[in-house]
Amino acid sequence: MKELDFLPEWYKEGRRRRSHMRRQYVALALIFVAMMAFNLTATHKAGKAAAELAHFEEQRMRAEGTVHEFGVVTKELNQLKVKADLMERMDSKIDVAAVLAEMSCLITGPVALSRAEFIAEPLSRPAPPESGSAVRTAGTPGTSEAELPFGRTRFRIVLAGVAAHPSHVADLVCRLDESSYFQRVYPSFSRPTKIRIAGAAGVRSQTDAAARRGSETLEVTEFEITCQLANYEEIDS
């Protein structure tokens, strides 16, 4: 049998149109939900990225501060190195206390010093090759003068005073010459002289005559000895 369709065409068209509109609404809703989800995800990621960027910016600022402090410390360290190098070059490397202790042990007996001088002198330039001699600091073999620091100098020692007898001066010269602290010891001069010492009473005299009676004149030997501190040695080329 043939089915008869009594529904009008406009009704069928309306139903199709409404069905199409529902599909469009569902698609639009899905698109809206997807856009909202994407927007929320993007907002979360953007916030996270902004937080990481702020953290990196803070780290960058700390790193810049550290680099600046490192530059300042490096500059101060270089300045201290320059000063330390200068002080190292100016240091004579001489133990003055040990030298004075050696002198106090050697200068004994009836000998009195009136003057003791330490005179720093630069080391002389190496002699020409034909002379066969050169000067270097003791304990540093093979060091040329150009490589020597500014502070490594030769010390000339001048001792002046009086002794009870010329033999005491000769004994002092011998003791200095035998000591490992000194070298090239020689007397500059040795001559007799007179000195006046106070009497034993120690009371101020009322007259010059009494003062002369309270003093005593002694004949002594005035001397001056020159030597060099043995902080270097001469070697043959």
Protein backbone atom coordinates (compact mmCIF):
# COMPACT_ATOMS: atom_id res chain seq x y z
CA MET A 1 0.00 0.00 0.00
CA LYS A 2 1.23 3.47 -0.62
CA GLU A 3 1.64 5.60 2.48
CA LEU A 4 0.06 8.93 2.39
CA ASP A 5 1.86 11.85 3.98
CA PHE A 6 -0.61 14.36 5.29
CA LEU A 7 2.01 16.66 6.87
CA PRO A 8 2.40 19.89 5.03
CA GLU A 9 5.70 20.83 3.53
CA TRP A 10 6.10 23.97 5.66
CA TYR A 11 5.85 21.84 8.80
CA LYS A 12 8.60 19.53 7.65
CA GLU A 13 10.74 22.50 6.69
CA GLY A 14 10.26 24.04 10.14
CA ARG A 15 11.24 20.82 11.85
CA ARG A 16 14.40 20.58 9.76
CA ARG A 17 15.19 24.21 10.46
CA ARG A 18 14.71 23.74 14.23
CA SER A 19 16.87 20.59 14.20
CA HIS A 20 19.59 22.47 12.33
CA MET A 21 19.40 25.35 14.80
CA ARG A 22 19.72 22.95 17.75
CA ARG A 23 22.85 21.45 16.21
CA GLN A 24 24.23 24.96 15.72
CA TYR A 25 23.44 25.87 19.33
CA VAL A 26 25.16 22.69 20.58
CA ALA A 27 28.18 23.41 18.39
CA LEU A 28 28.30 27.00 19.63
CA ALA A 29 28.05 25.82 23.23
CA LEU A 30 30.87 23.36 22.70
CA ILE A 31 32.96 26.06 21.06
CA PHE A 32 32.22 28.42 23.96
CA VAL A 33 33.16 25.77 26.52
CA ALA A 34 36.37 25.03 24.59
CA MET A 35 37.18 28.74 24.40
CA MET A 36 36.56 29.15 28.14
CA ALA A 37 38.77 26.13 28.91
CA PHE A 38 41.48 27.46 26.59
CA ASN A 39 41.19 30.93 28.15
CA LEU A 40 41.49 29.53 31.66
CA THR A 41 44.46 27.37 30.63
CA ALA A 42 46.18 30.29 28.87
CA THR A 43 45.53 32.58 31.85
CA HIS A 44 47.04 30.01 34.21
CA LYS A 45 50.07 29.52 31.99
CA ALA A 46 50.50 33.28 31.56
CA GLY A 47 50.38 33.78 35.34
CA LYS A 48 52.88 30.99 35.84
CA ALA A 49 55.16 32.46 33.17
CA ALA A 50 54.85 35.92 34.74
CA ALA A 51 55.79 34.48 38.14
CA GLU A 52 58.78 32.68 36.63
CA LEU A 53 59.77 35.87 34.79
CA ALA A 54 59.60 37.87 38.04
CA HIS A 55 61.70 35.16 39.73
CA PHE A 56 64.26 35.30 36.91
CA GLU A 57 64.30 39.10 37.09
CA GLU A 58 65.00 38.90 40.82
CA GLN A 59 67.76 36.40 40.17
CA ARG A 60 69.17 38.67 37.46
CA MET A 61 69.24 41.62 39.85
CA ARG A 62 70.95 39.51 42.50
CA ALA A 63 73.44 38.28 39.92
CA GLU A 64 74.18 41.85 38.81
CA GLY A 65 74.72 42.83 42.45
CA THR A 66 77.02 39.84 42.95
CA VAL A 67 78.96 40.70 39.80
CA HIS A 68 79.32 44.31 40.97
CA GLU A 69 80.52 43.20 44.40
CA PHE A 70 82.91 40.74 42.75
CA GLY A 71 84.30 43.56 40.62
CA VAL A 72 84.79 45.78 43.68
CA VAL A 73 86.43 42.96 45.65
CA THR A 74 88.65 42.09 42.67
CA LYS A 75 89.73 45.72 42.34
CA GLU A 76 90.55 45.92 46.07
CA LEU A 77 92.38 42.58 45.86
CA ASN A 78 94.49 43.85 42.95
CA GLN A 79 95.32 47.00 44.90
CA LEU A 80 96.29 44.91 47.93
CA LYS A 81 98.42 42.69 45.70
CA VAL A 82 100.23 45.77 44.37
CA LYS A 83 100.83 47.02 47.92
CA ALA A 84 101.91 43.56 49.09
CA ASP A 85 104.31 43.28 46.16
CA LEU A 86 105.71 46.72 46.97
CA MET A 87 106.13 45.81 50.64
CA GLU A 88 107.73 42.51 49.62
CA ARG A 89 110.21 44.37 47.43
CA MET A 90 110.94 46.95 50.14
CA ASP A 91 111.50 44.29 52.83
CA SER A 92 115.22 43.85 53.37
CA LYS A 93 114.74 40.27 54.61
CA ILE A 94 117.08 41.05 57.51
CA ASP A 95 116.37 39.84 61.04
CA VAL A 96 117.61 42.91 62.90
CA ALA A 97 116.91 41.35 66.31
CA ALA A 98 119.14 38.38 65.50
CA VAL A 99 121.92 40.68 64.27
CA LEU A 100 121.75 42.78 67.44
CA ALA A 101 121.78 39.63 69.58
CA GLU A 102 124.90 38.42 67.75
CA MET A 103 126.55 41.81 68.26
CA SER A 104 125.70 41.81 71.97
CA CYS A 105 127.39 38.40 72.30
CA LEU A 106 130.51 39.49 70.40
CA ILE A 107 131.01 42.93 71.95
CA THR A 108 132.16 41.90 75.41
CA GLY A 109 134.88 42.93 77.81
CA PRO A 110 136.11 46.50 78.36
CA VAL A 111 134.55 47.78 75.12
CA ALA A 112 131.81 50.43 75.00
CA LEU A 113 130.01 51.46 71.83
CA SER A 114 129.02 55.05 71.21
CA ARG A 115 127.52 54.51 67.78
CA ALA A 116 126.17 51.61 65.72
CA GLU A 117 124.89 52.35 62.22
CA PHE A 118 123.17 50.10 59.68
CA ILE A 119 123.62 51.64 56.22
CA ALA A 120 121.69 50.04 53.35
CA GLU A 121 123.57 49.93 50.08
CA PRO A 122 122.33 48.55 46.74
CA LEU A 123 124.13 45.51 45.48
CA SER A 124 126.75 46.41 42.90
CA ARG A 125 126.25 45.46 39.29
CA PRO A 126 127.73 42.12 38.21
CA ALA A 127 131.32 42.40 37.08
CA PRO A 128 132.19 41.94 33.39
CA PRO A 129 132.63 38.33 32.24
CA GLU A 130 136.42 38.67 32.01
CA SER A 131 136.70 39.64 35.70
CA GLY A 132 135.29 36.26 36.77
CA SER A 133 133.26 37.50 39.77
CA ALA A 134 129.65 38.37 40.41
CA VAL A 135 127.44 39.26 43.36
CA ARG A 136 124.29 37.38 44.28
CA THR A 137 122.10 37.13 47.36
CA ALA A 138 123.01 34.31 49.72
CA GLY A 139 120.74 31.28 49.32
CA THR A 140 119.42 32.29 45.86
CA PRO A 141 121.83 30.78 43.30
CA GLY A 142 121.63 31.98 39.73
CA THR A 143 119.75 35.21 40.50
CA SER A 144 120.92 38.18 38.49
CA GLU A 145 120.85 41.75 39.76
CA ALA A 146 118.02 42.66 37.39
CA GLU A 147 115.87 39.99 39.06
CA LEU A 148 116.70 41.09 42.60
CA PRO A 149 113.84 42.81 44.47
CA PHE A 150 114.27 46.39 45.57
CA GLY A 151 114.43 45.39 49.24
CA ARG A 152 117.37 42.99 48.94
CA THR A 153 120.26 45.28 49.68
CA ARG A 154 123.67 45.05 51.26
CA PHE A 155 124.07 46.44 54.77
CA ARG A 156 127.23 48.20 55.85
CA ILE A 157 127.62 48.32 59.63
CA VAL A 158 129.69 51.00 61.34
CA LEU A 159 130.61 50.45 64.98
CA ALA A 160 132.29 53.26 66.92
CA GLY A 161 133.30 53.39 70.56
CA VAL A 162 136.17 53.08 73.01
CA ALA A 163 138.17 50.18 74.39
CA ALA A 164 140.48 49.94 77.36
CA HIS A 165 143.41 48.70 75.23
CA PRO A 166 144.20 48.42 71.51
CA SER A 167 144.29 44.63 71.87
CA HIS A 168 140.61 44.70 72.80
CA VAL A 169 139.85 46.36 69.47
CA ALA A 170 141.86 43.70 67.66
CA ASP A 171 140.00 40.96 69.56
CA LEU A 172 136.66 42.53 68.61
CA VAL A 173 137.69 42.65 64.96
CA CYS A 174 138.64 38.97 65.10
CA ARG A 175 135.37 37.97 66.75
CA LEU A 176 133.35 39.89 64.17
CA ASP A 177 135.36 38.36 61.35
CA GLU A 178 134.83 34.83 62.70
CA SER A 179 131.07 35.35 63.04
CA SER A 180 128.87 34.05 60.22
CA TYR A 181 126.77 37.23 60.48
CA PHE A 182 129.50 39.59 59.29
CA GLN A 183 132.10 39.77 56.55
CA ARG A 184 134.79 42.14 55.28
CA VAL A 185 135.52 43.37 58.78
CA TYR A 186 138.22 46.02 58.98
CA PRO A 187 139.01 48.84 61.44
CA SER A 188 138.55 52.31 59.99
CA PHE A 189 140.79 53.85 62.64
CA SER A 190 142.13 53.16 66.09
CA ARG A 191 143.78 55.92 68.11
CA PRO A 192 144.51 56.67 71.74
CA THR A 193 142.39 59.26 73.48
CA LYS A 194 141.52 60.40 76.97
CA ILE A 195 138.15 60.43 78.65
CA ARG A 196 137.09 61.84 81.97
CA ILE A 197 134.80 59.90 84.27
CA ALA A 198 133.08 61.05 87.42
CA GLY A 199 134.37 60.10 90.86
CA ALA A 200 132.81 57.43 92.99
CA ALA A 201 131.21 59.94 95.39
CA GLY A 202 128.73 61.12 92.79
CA VAL A 203 128.01 64.41 94.71
CA ARG A 204 128.04 67.78 92.91
CA SER A 205 131.17 69.72 93.91
CA GLN A 206 130.87 73.27 95.07
CA THR A 207 133.99 74.47 93.25
CA ASP A 208 135.70 73.57 89.97
CA ALA A 209 138.76 72.37 91.86
CA ALA A 210 136.66 70.03 93.91
CA ALA A 211 134.96 68.85 90.72
CA ARG A 212 138.36 68.12 89.15
CA ARG A 213 139.40 66.21 92.24
CA GLY A 214 136.16 64.20 92.02
CA SER A 215 136.82 63.07 88.43
CA GLU A 216 139.34 60.77 86.83
CA THR A 217 141.01 60.87 83.42
CA LEU A 218 141.58 57.56 81.65
CA GLU A 219 143.58 56.75 78.55
CA VAL A 220 141.55 54.60 76.20
CA THR A 221 141.55 53.60 72.54
CA GLU A 222 138.95 55.19 70.33
CA PHE A 223 138.02 53.02 67.36
CA GLU A 224 135.69 52.66 64.43
CA ILE A 225 135.05 49.30 62.76
CA THR A 226 133.32 48.86 59.43
CA CYS A 227 131.91 45.54 58.24
CA GLN A 228 129.22 44.19 56.00
CA LEU A 229 126.28 42.03 56.92
CA ALA A 230 126.64 38.59 55.38
CA ASN A 231 123.28 38.60 53.61
CA TYR A 232 124.97 37.99 50.26
CA GLU A 233 128.00 36.17 48.95
CA GLU A 234 130.38 36.57 46.08
CA ILE A 235 130.76 33.72 43.65
CA ASP A 236 132.95 33.13 40.65
CA SER A 237 131.25 33.41 37.29
